[in-house]
N, C-alpha and C. Protein backbone atom coordinates (compact mmCIF):
# COMPACT_ATOMS: atom_id res chain seq x y z
N MET A 1 0.68 -1.20 -0.02
CA MET A 1 0.12 0.10 0.09
C MET A 1 1.06 1.26 -0.01
N GLU A 2 0.60 2.21 -0.95
CA GLU A 2 1.25 3.34 -0.97
C GLU A 2 0.73 4.21 -0.10
N SER A 3 -0.61 4.76 0.10
CA SER A 3 -1.12 5.80 0.35
C SER A 3 -2.32 5.44 1.76
N ALA A 4 -2.18 6.14 2.69
CA ALA A 4 -3.09 6.07 3.87
C ALA A 4 -3.75 7.18 4.34
N LEU A 5 -4.97 7.37 4.21
CA LEU A 5 -5.90 8.34 5.51
C LEU A 5 -6.14 7.85 6.84
N ILE A 6 -5.53 9.24 7.59
CA ILE A 6 -5.94 8.47 9.41
C ILE A 6 -6.92 9.76 9.16
N VAL A 7 -8.26 9.25 9.90
CA VAL A 7 -9.80 10.23 10.44
C VAL A 7 -9.25 9.80 11.75
N SER A 8 -8.63 11.10 13.00
CA SER A 8 -8.68 10.97 14.28
C SER A 8 -8.95 12.16 14.71
N ARG A 9 -10.05 12.09 15.84
CA ARG A 9 -10.32 13.73 16.27
C ARG A 9 -8.76 14.24 17.40
N SER A 10 -7.58 13.36 17.82
CA SER A 10 -6.86 13.35 18.60
C SER A 10 -5.64 13.62 17.89
N GLU A 11 -4.90 14.01 18.11
CA GLU A 11 -3.88 14.69 17.51
C GLU A 11 -2.80 13.26 17.88
N LYS A 12 -2.82 13.02 18.70
CA LYS A 12 -1.89 11.78 19.57
C LYS A 12 -2.29 10.29 18.78
N GLY A 13 -3.73 10.39 18.62
CA GLY A 13 -4.03 9.29 17.89
C GLY A 13 -3.81 9.17 16.41
N ALA A 14 -3.74 10.33 15.91
CA ALA A 14 -3.23 9.96 14.25
C ALA A 14 -1.52 10.12 14.31
N GLU A 15 -0.66 10.78 15.38
CA GLU A 15 0.60 10.53 15.27
C GLU A 15 1.28 9.13 15.60
N TYR A 16 0.45 8.31 16.50
CA TYR A 16 0.41 6.65 16.64
C TYR A 16 0.45 6.20 15.23
N PHE A 17 -0.65 6.60 14.63
CA PHE A 17 -1.30 5.56 13.39
C PHE A 17 0.23 5.93 12.30
N THR A 18 0.33 7.36 12.11
CA THR A 18 1.43 7.64 11.21
C THR A 18 2.38 7.02 11.42
N LYS A 19 2.94 7.02 12.99
CA LYS A 19 4.35 6.35 13.17
C LYS A 19 4.47 4.70 12.71
N LEU A 20 3.07 4.17 13.07
CA LEU A 20 3.26 3.02 12.57
C LEU A 20 2.63 2.69 11.20
N LEU A 21 2.35 3.32 10.41
CA LEU A 21 1.94 3.43 8.74
C LEU A 21 3.75 3.51 8.28
N HIS A 22 4.22 4.60 8.85
CA HIS A 22 5.57 4.64 8.38
C HIS A 22 6.49 3.51 7.86
N GLU A 23 6.48 2.97 9.28
CA GLU A 23 7.01 1.45 9.87
C GLU A 23 6.65 0.76 9.06
N ALA A 24 5.30 0.48 8.61
CA ALA A 24 4.65 -0.37 7.44
C ALA A 24 4.94 -0.15 6.16
N GLY A 25 5.58 0.82 6.15
CA GLY A 25 6.15 1.48 4.30
C GLY A 25 5.59 2.09 3.56
N VAL A 26 4.48 2.85 4.26
CA VAL A 26 3.64 3.75 3.58
C VAL A 26 4.20 4.94 3.51
N GLN A 27 3.82 5.45 2.39
CA GLN A 27 4.76 6.63 1.60
C GLN A 27 3.69 8.12 1.82
N GLN A 28 2.58 7.89 1.17
CA GLN A 28 1.90 9.53 1.79
C GLN A 28 0.82 8.79 2.82
N ILE A 29 0.99 9.79 3.39
CA ILE A 29 -0.30 9.80 4.79
C ILE A 29 -0.60 11.16 4.96
N ALA A 30 -2.21 11.17 5.33
CA ALA A 30 -2.76 12.35 5.14
C ALA A 30 -3.40 12.13 6.73
N ALA A 31 -3.50 13.23 7.72
CA ALA A 31 -4.19 13.24 8.43
C ALA A 31 -5.43 14.11 8.72
N LEU A 32 -6.54 13.52 8.89
CA LEU A 32 -7.42 14.91 8.90
C LEU A 32 -8.70 14.58 10.45
N ARG A 33 -9.48 15.44 10.73
CA ARG A 33 -10.15 15.35 12.00
C ARG A 33 -11.24 15.11 11.87
N SER A 34 -12.01 14.94 10.97
CA SER A 34 -13.61 14.90 10.87
C SER A 34 -13.84 14.11 9.95
N GLY A 35 -15.28 13.42 10.23
CA GLY A 35 -15.82 12.92 8.95
C GLY A 35 -15.84 13.31 7.35
N GLY A 36 -16.57 14.64 7.89
CA GLY A 36 -16.87 15.43 7.01
C GLY A 36 -15.65 16.02 5.72
N GLU A 37 -14.23 16.30 6.56
CA GLU A 37 -12.81 16.69 6.11
C GLU A 37 -12.63 15.44 5.36
N ALA A 38 -12.87 14.24 5.72
CA ALA A 38 -12.81 12.97 5.11
C ALA A 38 -13.05 12.98 3.78
N ARG A 39 -14.83 13.13 3.93
CA ARG A 39 -15.30 12.94 2.68
C ARG A 39 -14.54 13.79 1.74
N ARG A 40 -14.52 15.02 1.80
CA ARG A 40 -13.93 16.07 0.82
C ARG A 40 -12.83 15.57 0.30
N ARG A 41 -12.00 14.78 0.91
CA ARG A 41 -10.64 14.75 0.62
C ARG A 41 -10.87 13.56 -0.22
N LEU A 42 -11.77 12.28 0.14
CA LEU A 42 -12.31 11.42 -0.50
C LEU A 42 -12.97 11.51 -2.25
N CYS A 43 -13.44 12.77 -2.26
CA CYS A 43 -13.61 12.62 -3.35
C CYS A 43 -12.83 13.85 -4.17
N GLU A 44 -11.29 14.14 -3.66
CA GLU A 44 -10.57 14.59 -4.71
C GLU A 44 -9.51 13.46 -5.04
N ARG A 45 -9.37 12.09 -4.02
CA ARG A 45 -8.50 11.27 -4.46
C ARG A 45 -8.57 10.21 -4.07
N ASP A 46 -8.12 9.05 -4.07
CA ASP A 46 -8.32 7.77 -3.48
C ASP A 46 -7.46 7.48 -2.79
N PHE A 47 -7.23 6.56 -1.61
CA PHE A 47 -6.37 6.10 -0.07
C PHE A 47 -6.74 4.74 -0.74
N ASP A 48 -5.33 3.98 -0.63
CA ASP A 48 -5.55 2.74 -0.58
C ASP A 48 -5.89 2.10 0.72
N LEU A 49 -5.72 2.59 2.11
CA LEU A 49 -6.11 2.44 3.40
C LEU A 49 -6.28 3.57 4.27
N VAL A 50 -7.46 3.33 4.83
CA VAL A 50 -8.52 4.90 5.40
C VAL A 50 -8.56 4.09 6.88
N ILE A 51 -7.73 4.45 8.00
CA ILE A 51 -7.75 4.16 9.46
C ILE A 51 -9.02 5.59 10.41
N ILE A 52 -9.41 5.06 10.36
CA ILE A 52 -10.90 5.94 11.54
C ILE A 52 -10.67 5.42 12.71
N ASN A 53 -10.56 6.59 13.60
CA ASN A 53 -10.41 6.41 15.26
C ASN A 53 -11.34 7.22 15.56
N SER A 54 -12.35 6.26 15.90
CA SER A 54 -13.61 7.07 16.42
C SER A 54 -13.67 7.21 18.11
N LEU A 55 -14.31 8.09 18.32
CA LEU A 55 -15.35 8.68 17.49
C LEU A 55 -14.50 10.39 17.33
N LEU A 56 -15.40 10.53 15.93
CA LEU A 56 -14.97 11.90 15.49
C LEU A 56 -15.53 13.14 16.11
N ARG A 57 -15.16 14.31 15.48
CA ARG A 57 -15.40 15.37 16.02
C ARG A 57 -17.04 15.56 15.35
N ASP A 58 -17.09 15.06 14.20
CA ASP A 58 -19.01 15.12 13.84
C ASP A 58 -19.63 14.09 13.46
N GLU A 59 -18.78 12.81 13.84
CA GLU A 59 -20.11 11.31 14.08
C GLU A 59 -18.90 10.87 14.40
N SER A 60 -19.92 9.41 14.74
CA SER A 60 -19.29 8.25 15.17
C SER A 60 -18.20 7.33 14.68
N GLY A 61 -18.09 7.45 13.19
CA GLY A 61 -17.02 7.09 12.36
C GLY A 61 -17.95 5.48 11.47
N GLU A 62 -18.87 4.98 12.06
CA GLU A 62 -19.45 3.67 11.57
C GLU A 62 -19.85 4.05 9.73
N LYS A 63 -20.78 4.96 9.74
CA LYS A 63 -21.53 5.41 8.52
C LYS A 63 -19.99 5.59 7.61
N LEU A 64 -19.52 6.45 8.51
CA LEU A 64 -18.27 6.40 7.00
C LEU A 64 -17.24 5.54 6.49
N SER A 65 -16.93 4.52 7.50
CA SER A 65 -15.78 3.43 7.23
C SER A 65 -16.90 2.57 6.57
N CYS A 66 -18.44 2.66 6.24
CA CYS A 66 -19.28 1.50 5.61
C CYS A 66 -18.99 2.48 4.16
N ASP A 67 -19.33 3.61 4.42
CA ASP A 67 -19.51 4.10 2.90
C ASP A 67 -17.66 4.24 1.77
N ILE A 68 -16.54 4.52 2.71
CA ILE A 68 -15.68 4.44 2.12
C ILE A 68 -15.29 2.91 1.49
N ALA A 69 -15.64 1.50 2.36
CA ALA A 69 -15.53 0.99 2.16
C ALA A 69 -16.28 0.17 0.96
N SER A 70 -17.43 0.89 0.57
CA SER A 70 -18.38 0.10 -0.33
C SER A 70 -17.97 0.96 -1.81
N ARG A 71 -17.21 1.73 -1.52
CA ARG A 71 -16.76 2.48 -2.64
C ARG A 71 -15.78 2.26 -4.18
N GLY A 72 -14.92 0.98 -3.10
CA GLY A 72 -13.49 0.49 -4.18
C GLY A 72 -12.68 -0.39 -3.96
N THR A 73 -11.55 -0.03 -4.02
CA THR A 73 -10.43 -0.61 -3.55
C THR A 73 -9.95 -0.47 -2.04
N THR A 74 -10.35 0.86 -1.18
CA THR A 74 -9.70 0.65 -0.03
C THR A 74 -9.90 0.29 1.00
N GLN A 75 -9.32 0.25 1.54
CA GLN A 75 -9.53 -1.03 2.73
C GLN A 75 -9.42 -0.12 4.06
N VAL A 76 -10.62 -0.15 5.12
CA VAL A 76 -10.41 0.67 6.25
C VAL A 76 -10.48 -0.27 7.66
N ILE A 77 -9.95 0.63 8.44
CA ILE A 77 -10.12 -0.12 9.59
C ILE A 77 -10.60 0.88 10.53
N LEU A 78 -11.62 0.60 11.28
CA LEU A 78 -12.32 1.07 12.40
C LEU A 78 -11.89 0.62 13.83
N VAL A 79 -11.24 1.92 14.28
CA VAL A 79 -10.90 1.75 15.82
C VAL A 79 -12.09 2.32 16.48
N VAL A 80 -12.42 1.46 17.53
CA VAL A 80 -13.51 1.74 18.43
C VAL A 80 -13.42 1.70 19.91
N LYS A 81 -14.12 1.84 20.85
CA LYS A 81 -13.85 1.57 22.42
C LYS A 81 -14.15 -0.06 22.38
N SER A 82 -13.64 -0.57 23.25
CA SER A 82 -13.59 -2.17 23.44
C SER A 82 -15.49 -2.45 23.62
N GLU A 83 -16.12 -1.74 24.71
CA GLU A 83 -17.51 -1.60 24.84
C GLU A 83 -18.41 -1.61 23.63
N TYR A 84 -18.20 -0.46 22.46
CA TYR A 84 -19.12 -0.85 21.63
C TYR A 84 -18.26 -1.99 20.52
N HIS A 85 -17.47 -2.88 20.45
CA HIS A 85 -16.31 -3.58 19.36
C HIS A 85 -17.60 -4.20 18.91
N ASP A 86 -18.04 -5.11 19.56
CA ASP A 86 -18.91 -6.20 18.90
C ASP A 86 -20.25 -5.56 18.13
N ALA A 87 -20.84 -4.85 18.63
CA ALA A 87 -22.03 -4.26 18.40
C ALA A 87 -21.17 -3.43 16.95
N VAL A 88 -20.61 -2.64 16.94
CA VAL A 88 -20.21 -2.17 15.43
C VAL A 88 -19.93 -2.91 14.64
N SER A 89 -18.82 -3.94 14.99
CA SER A 89 -18.47 -4.96 13.94
C SER A 89 -18.92 -5.35 13.44
N ALA A 90 -20.53 -5.76 14.26
CA ALA A 90 -21.81 -6.48 13.01
C ALA A 90 -22.17 -5.45 12.38
N LEU A 91 -22.27 -4.31 12.58
CA LEU A 91 -22.89 -3.61 11.80
C LEU A 91 -22.09 -3.52 9.99
N CYS A 92 -20.64 -2.97 10.42
CA CYS A 92 -19.80 -2.89 9.75
C CYS A 92 -19.11 -3.92 9.01
N GLU A 93 -19.37 -5.40 9.10
CA GLU A 93 -18.00 -6.12 8.58
C GLU A 93 -18.86 -6.49 7.61
N CYS A 94 -20.23 -6.57 6.94
CA CYS A 94 -20.58 -6.85 5.73
C CYS A 94 -20.33 -5.86 4.61
N ALA A 95 -20.18 -4.49 4.72
CA ALA A 95 -19.32 -3.66 4.16
C ALA A 95 -17.94 -3.77 3.79
N GLY A 96 -17.38 -4.60 4.57
CA GLY A 96 -15.81 -5.04 4.44
C GLY A 96 -14.94 -4.18 5.69
N VAL A 97 -15.92 -3.78 6.35
CA VAL A 97 -14.89 -2.83 7.26
C VAL A 97 -13.61 -3.88 8.65
N LEU A 98 -12.93 -3.71 8.72
CA LEU A 98 -12.22 -4.39 9.57
C LEU A 98 -12.20 -3.48 10.95
N THR A 99 -12.77 -3.98 12.19
CA THR A 99 -13.13 -3.15 13.59
C THR A 99 -12.26 -3.61 14.35
N ILE A 100 -11.23 -3.10 15.26
CA ILE A 100 -10.33 -3.10 16.42
C ILE A 100 -10.89 -2.10 17.52
N ALA A 101 -10.57 -2.96 18.63
CA ALA A 101 -11.11 -2.53 19.80
C ALA A 101 -10.08 -1.63 20.48
N LYS A 102 -10.40 -0.58 21.24
CA LYS A 102 -9.03 0.38 22.02
C LYS A 102 -9.49 -0.56 23.14
N PRO A 103 -8.47 -0.49 24.13
CA PRO A 103 -6.82 -0.17 23.68
C PRO A 103 -6.52 -0.79 22.45
N ILE A 104 -5.48 -0.38 21.90
CA ILE A 104 -4.61 -1.20 20.86
C ILE A 104 -3.49 -1.88 21.46
N SER A 105 -3.51 -3.04 20.83
CA SER A 105 -1.58 -3.39 21.20
C SER A 105 -1.09 -3.17 19.91
N LYS A 106 0.28 -2.71 19.76
CA LYS A 106 1.02 -2.62 18.39
C LYS A 106 0.93 -4.09 17.94
N PRO A 107 1.02 -5.04 18.29
CA PRO A 107 0.72 -6.65 17.67
C PRO A 107 -0.35 -6.71 16.69
N THR A 108 -1.74 -6.29 17.46
CA THR A 108 -3.00 -6.37 16.71
C THR A 108 -3.28 -5.18 16.04
N LEU A 109 -2.51 -3.93 16.24
CA LEU A 109 -2.54 -3.19 15.10
C LEU A 109 -1.97 -3.69 13.36
N TRP A 110 -0.81 -4.08 14.22
CA TRP A 110 0.34 -4.65 13.00
C TRP A 110 -0.40 -5.85 12.07
N SER A 111 -1.29 -6.73 12.93
CA SER A 111 -1.96 -7.88 11.71
C SER A 111 -2.65 -7.36 11.08
N ALA A 112 -3.98 -5.92 11.35
CA ALA A 112 -4.72 -5.66 11.29
C ALA A 112 -4.30 -4.90 10.07
N LEU A 113 -3.01 -4.35 9.82
CA LEU A 113 -2.60 -3.48 8.61
C LEU A 113 -1.90 -4.64 7.78
N MET A 114 -1.25 -5.61 8.16
CA MET A 114 -0.78 -6.79 7.18
C MET A 114 -2.01 -7.62 6.51
N PHE A 115 -2.88 -7.60 7.01
CA PHE A 115 -4.26 -8.36 6.89
C PHE A 115 -4.94 -7.18 5.47
N ALA A 116 -5.05 -6.13 5.84
CA ALA A 116 -5.76 -5.32 4.72
C ALA A 116 -4.89 -4.94 4.27
N LYS A 117 -3.05 -5.28 3.75
CA LYS A 117 -2.36 -4.88 3.00
C LYS A 117 -2.80 -6.25 2.01
N SER A 118 -2.83 -7.37 2.44
CA SER A 118 -3.10 -8.81 1.64
C SER A 118 -4.78 -8.03 0.92
N ALA A 119 -5.61 -7.64 1.40
CA ALA A 119 -6.71 -7.70 1.14
C ALA A 119 -6.50 -7.04 -0.37
N HIS A 120 -6.00 -5.90 -0.11
CA HIS A 120 -5.79 -4.62 -0.92
C HIS A 120 -5.16 -5.68 -2.01
N ASN A 121 -3.97 -6.23 -2.11
CA ASN A 121 -3.00 -6.39 -3.14
C ASN A 121 -4.19 -7.91 -4.21
N ARG A 122 -4.93 -8.26 -3.25
CA ARG A 122 -5.93 -9.59 -3.69
C ARG A 122 -6.70 -8.89 -4.45
N ILE A 123 -7.64 -7.65 -4.10
CA ILE A 123 -8.56 -6.83 -4.65
C ILE A 123 -8.05 -6.11 -6.29
N ARG A 124 -6.94 -5.48 -5.73
CA ARG A 124 -6.10 -5.18 -7.14
C ARG A 124 -6.01 -5.76 -8.16
N ARG A 125 -5.27 -7.47 -8.00
CA ARG A 125 -5.11 -8.42 -8.78
C ARG A 125 -6.46 -8.51 -9.40
N MET A 126 -7.29 -9.17 -8.90
CA MET A 126 -8.68 -9.36 -9.27
C MET A 126 -9.18 -8.11 -10.11
N GLN A 127 -8.85 -7.05 -9.73
CA GLN A 127 -9.35 -5.82 -10.43
C GLN A 127 -8.70 -5.72 -12.38
N THR A 128 -7.47 -5.96 -12.28
CA THR A 128 -7.01 -6.15 -13.11
C THR A 128 -7.26 -7.52 -14.13
N GLU A 129 -7.08 -8.73 -13.25
CA GLU A 129 -7.86 -9.68 -14.09
C GLU A 129 -9.52 -9.16 -14.61
N ASN A 130 -9.63 -8.23 -14.28
CA ASN A 130 -11.31 -8.54 -14.59
C ASN A 130 -11.32 -7.66 -15.77
N VAL A 131 -10.15 -5.97 -15.42
CA VAL A 131 -10.16 -5.54 -17.04
C VAL A 131 -9.33 -6.51 -18.31
N GLN A 132 -8.65 -7.01 -18.32
CA GLN A 132 -8.39 -7.86 -19.33
C GLN A 132 -9.04 -9.14 -19.93
N LEU A 133 -10.27 -9.72 -19.04
CA LEU A 133 -11.17 -10.49 -19.49
C LEU A 133 -11.93 -9.43 -19.89
N GLN A 134 -12.30 -8.26 -19.58
CA GLN A 134 -13.40 -7.27 -20.25
C GLN A 134 -13.01 -7.30 -21.47
N GLN A 135 -11.65 -6.80 -21.46
CA GLN A 135 -10.73 -6.51 -23.10
C GLN A 135 -10.96 -8.01 -23.61
N LYS A 136 -11.04 -8.92 -23.72
CA LYS A 136 -10.92 -10.18 -23.78
C LYS A 136 -12.13 -10.37 -24.81
N ILE A 137 -13.49 -10.03 -24.15
CA ILE A 137 -14.87 -10.15 -24.41
C ILE A 137 -15.10 -8.98 -25.39
N ASP A 138 -14.71 -7.74 -25.11
CA ASP A 138 -14.43 -6.78 -25.96
C ASP A 138 -14.03 -7.38 -27.33
N ASP A 139 -13.06 -7.82 -27.73
CA ASP A 139 -12.54 -7.96 -28.94
C ASP A 139 -13.07 -9.01 -29.75
N ILE A 140 -13.61 -10.10 -28.64
CA ILE A 140 -14.31 -11.05 -29.45
C ILE A 140 -15.68 -10.71 -30.04
N ARG A 141 -16.16 -9.86 -29.29
CA ARG A 141 -17.46 -9.35 -29.74
C ARG A 141 -17.23 -8.44 -30.98
N ILE A 142 -16.12 -7.65 -31.06
CA ILE A 142 -15.59 -6.95 -32.55
C ILE A 142 -14.99 -7.81 -33.26
N ILE A 143 -14.88 -8.98 -33.30
CA ILE A 143 -14.27 -9.91 -34.34
C ILE A 143 -15.69 -10.62 -35.06
N ASN A 144 -16.39 -11.04 -34.01
CA ASN A 144 -17.63 -12.13 -34.40
C ASN A 144 -18.84 -10.85 -35.11
N ARG A 145 -18.49 -9.37 -35.05
CA ARG A 145 -19.45 -8.33 -35.87
C ARG A 145 -18.69 -8.26 -36.80
N ALA A 146 -17.19 -8.68 -37.09
CA ALA A 146 -16.65 -8.27 -38.30
C ALA A 146 -16.85 -9.72 -39.23
N LYS A 147 -17.00 -10.72 -38.28
CA LYS A 147 -17.41 -11.88 -39.39
C LYS A 147 -18.77 -11.99 -39.71
N CYS A 148 -19.75 -11.47 -39.22
CA CYS A 148 -21.00 -11.23 -39.49
C CYS A 148 -20.92 -10.67 -40.90
N MET A 149 -20.04 -9.16 -41.01
CA MET A 149 -20.29 -8.42 -42.13
C MET A 149 -19.32 -8.91 -42.96
N LEU A 150 -18.37 -9.92 -42.78
CA LEU A 150 -18.07 -10.65 -44.06
C LEU A 150 -18.93 -11.96 -44.39
N VAL A 151 -19.69 -12.65 -43.58
CA VAL A 151 -20.89 -13.39 -44.25
C VAL A 151 -21.40 -12.83 -44.68
N SER A 152 -21.98 -11.73 -44.38
CA SER A 152 -23.23 -11.07 -45.42
C SER A 152 -23.10 -10.70 -46.65
N GLN A 153 -21.75 -9.66 -46.36
CA GLN A 153 -21.37 -8.94 -47.61
C GLN A 153 -20.61 -9.63 -48.55
N LEU A 154 -19.92 -10.55 -48.19
CA LEU A 154 -18.73 -11.58 -49.12
C LEU A 154 -19.33 -13.00 -49.33
N SER A 155 -20.94 -13.07 -48.82
CA SER A 155 -21.05 -14.90 -48.75
C SER A 155 -20.24 -15.88 -48.08
N MET A 156 -19.38 -15.28 -46.91
CA MET A 156 -18.36 -16.30 -47.02
C MET A 156 -19.30 -17.05 -45.78
N SER A 157 -18.91 -17.85 -45.16
CA SER A 157 -19.12 -19.29 -44.05
C SER A 157 -18.17 -18.44 -43.00
N GLU A 158 -18.99 -18.86 -42.08
CA GLU A 158 -18.32 -18.52 -40.84
C GLU A 158 -17.04 -18.63 -40.23
N GLU A 159 -16.65 -19.94 -40.71
CA GLU A 159 -15.33 -20.16 -41.01
C GLU A 159 -14.13 -19.90 -41.64
N GLN A 160 -14.91 -19.21 -42.67
CA GLN A 160 -13.93 -19.13 -43.78
C GLN A 160 -13.85 -17.26 -43.35
N ALA A 161 -14.55 -16.84 -42.81
CA ALA A 161 -14.71 -15.56 -42.24
C ALA A 161 -13.86 -15.08 -41.23
N HIS A 162 -13.73 -16.21 -40.22
CA HIS A 162 -12.53 -16.47 -39.49
C HIS A 162 -11.14 -16.66 -40.00
N ARG A 163 -11.20 -17.61 -40.68
CA ARG A 163 -9.98 -17.83 -40.88
C ARG A 163 -9.04 -16.64 -42.00
N TYR A 164 -10.01 -15.80 -42.54
CA TYR A 164 -9.92 -14.56 -43.38
C TYR A 164 -9.30 -13.71 -42.23
N ILE A 165 -10.03 -13.60 -41.32
CA ILE A 165 -9.44 -12.47 -40.21
C ILE A 165 -8.24 -12.92 -39.50
N GLU A 166 -8.02 -13.95 -39.22
CA GLU A 166 -6.85 -14.77 -38.58
C GLU A 166 -5.55 -14.54 -40.24
N LYS A 167 -6.12 -14.80 -40.98
CA LYS A 167 -4.86 -15.60 -41.62
C LYS A 167 -4.37 -13.25 -42.23
N GLN A 168 -5.16 -12.53 -42.80
CA GLN A 168 -5.17 -10.72 -42.58
C GLN A 168 -4.38 -10.65 -41.32
N ALA A 169 -4.44 -10.65 -39.75
CA ALA A 169 -3.73 -10.74 -38.78
C ALA A 169 -2.13 -10.91 -39.10
N MET A 170 -2.32 -12.08 -39.31
CA MET A 170 -0.77 -13.30 -39.40
C MET A 170 0.25 -12.20 -40.45
N ASP A 171 -0.68 -11.80 -41.33
CA ASP A 171 0.00 -11.36 -42.79
C ASP A 171 0.60 -9.68 -42.33
N SER A 172 -0.49 -9.06 -41.57
CA SER A 172 -0.06 -7.63 -41.40
C SER A 172 0.42 -7.59 -40.11
N ARG A 173 1.10 -9.03 -39.04
CA ARG A 173 1.51 -8.90 -38.01
C ARG A 173 0.96 -7.77 -36.95
N THR A 174 -0.49 -7.58 -37.18
CA THR A 174 -1.16 -7.38 -36.25
C THR A 174 -2.20 -7.67 -35.50
N ALA A 175 -3.24 -7.27 -34.73
CA ALA A 175 -4.23 -7.99 -34.03
C ALA A 175 -5.11 -8.35 -34.45
N LYS A 176 -5.97 -9.16 -34.15
CA LYS A 176 -7.07 -10.02 -35.00
C LYS A 176 -8.58 -8.42 -34.77
N ARG A 177 -8.38 -7.91 -34.12
CA ARG A 177 -9.22 -7.22 -33.63
C ARG A 177 -8.90 -5.73 -34.29
N GLU A 178 -7.40 -5.34 -34.75
CA GLU A 178 -7.31 -4.25 -35.42
C GLU A 178 -7.85 -4.76 -36.98
N ILE A 179 -7.85 -5.92 -37.35
CA ILE A 179 -8.26 -6.25 -38.69
C ILE A 179 -9.76 -6.14 -38.60
N ALA A 180 -10.74 -6.80 -37.98
CA ALA A 180 -11.86 -6.90 -37.61
C ALA A 180 -12.03 -5.49 -37.58
N GLU A 181 -11.92 -4.65 -36.87
CA GLU A 181 -12.15 -2.59 -36.68
C GLU A 181 -12.19 -2.40 -38.16
N GLY A 182 -11.09 -2.65 -39.14
CA GLY A 182 -10.79 -2.19 -40.51
C GLY A 182 -12.29 -2.66 -41.40
N ILE A 183 -12.67 -4.12 -41.40
CA ILE A 183 -13.68 -4.36 -41.79
C ILE A 183 -14.71 -3.98 -41.51
N ILE A 184 -14.86 -3.88 -40.16
CA ILE A 184 -16.29 -3.13 -39.67
C ILE A 184 -16.44 -1.81 -40.37
N LYS A 185 -15.18 -0.82 -40.25
CA LYS A 185 -15.17 0.44 -40.86
C LYS A 185 -15.34 0.49 -42.50
N LEU A 186 -15.27 -0.77 -43.37
CA LEU A 186 -15.17 -0.53 -44.55
C LEU A 186 -16.56 -0.92 -44.90
N TYR A 187 -17.46 -1.52 -44.31
CA TYR A 187 -18.92 -2.32 -44.77
C TYR A 187 -19.89 -1.31 -43.88
N GLU A 188 -19.67 -0.31 -42.77
CA GLU A 188 -20.52 0.29 -42.19
C GLU A 188 -20.71 1.24 -43.21
N ASN A 189 -19.99 1.85 -43.77
CA ASN A 189 -20.38 2.93 -44.48
C ASN A 189 -21.14 2.55 -45.76
């Protein structure tokens, strides 16, 4: 993880989390005091991790943590008083928020950070795979459209159209999608 946002009413809490994040190798760290400030900052940019040390100046932090976790790949750690931990955890765990009870031991927080880092990496990897799969689906869709045009315009069979696109791609050393786009452009006009 490269970036983190700390939302903590107390300066002491923000300093503690900042120090620990630096030890974990996080380079870009911002600290804010309220949920409103955090929401505004998150509209401007994304963070890999958000640590919310509740209670905040303007809210408790549960809704903020759930909102952030539901937006994308940002991992959220919500730190709450031990007497509220079970109830808050039950509310937030469906959104993917990791809750930790105060007082916090360094090993507990370190474990939570490593867990969040692992989850963040896994989600990023899945997003990359999703983008690649979406690209393949788009390629197939365009190639199939070009094949249909060859079948209707040149009376080729689907197999002949497929071989034609493959041969053109090999001969010109370009992707099948590029050949398909050229065919679509030629016969759409």
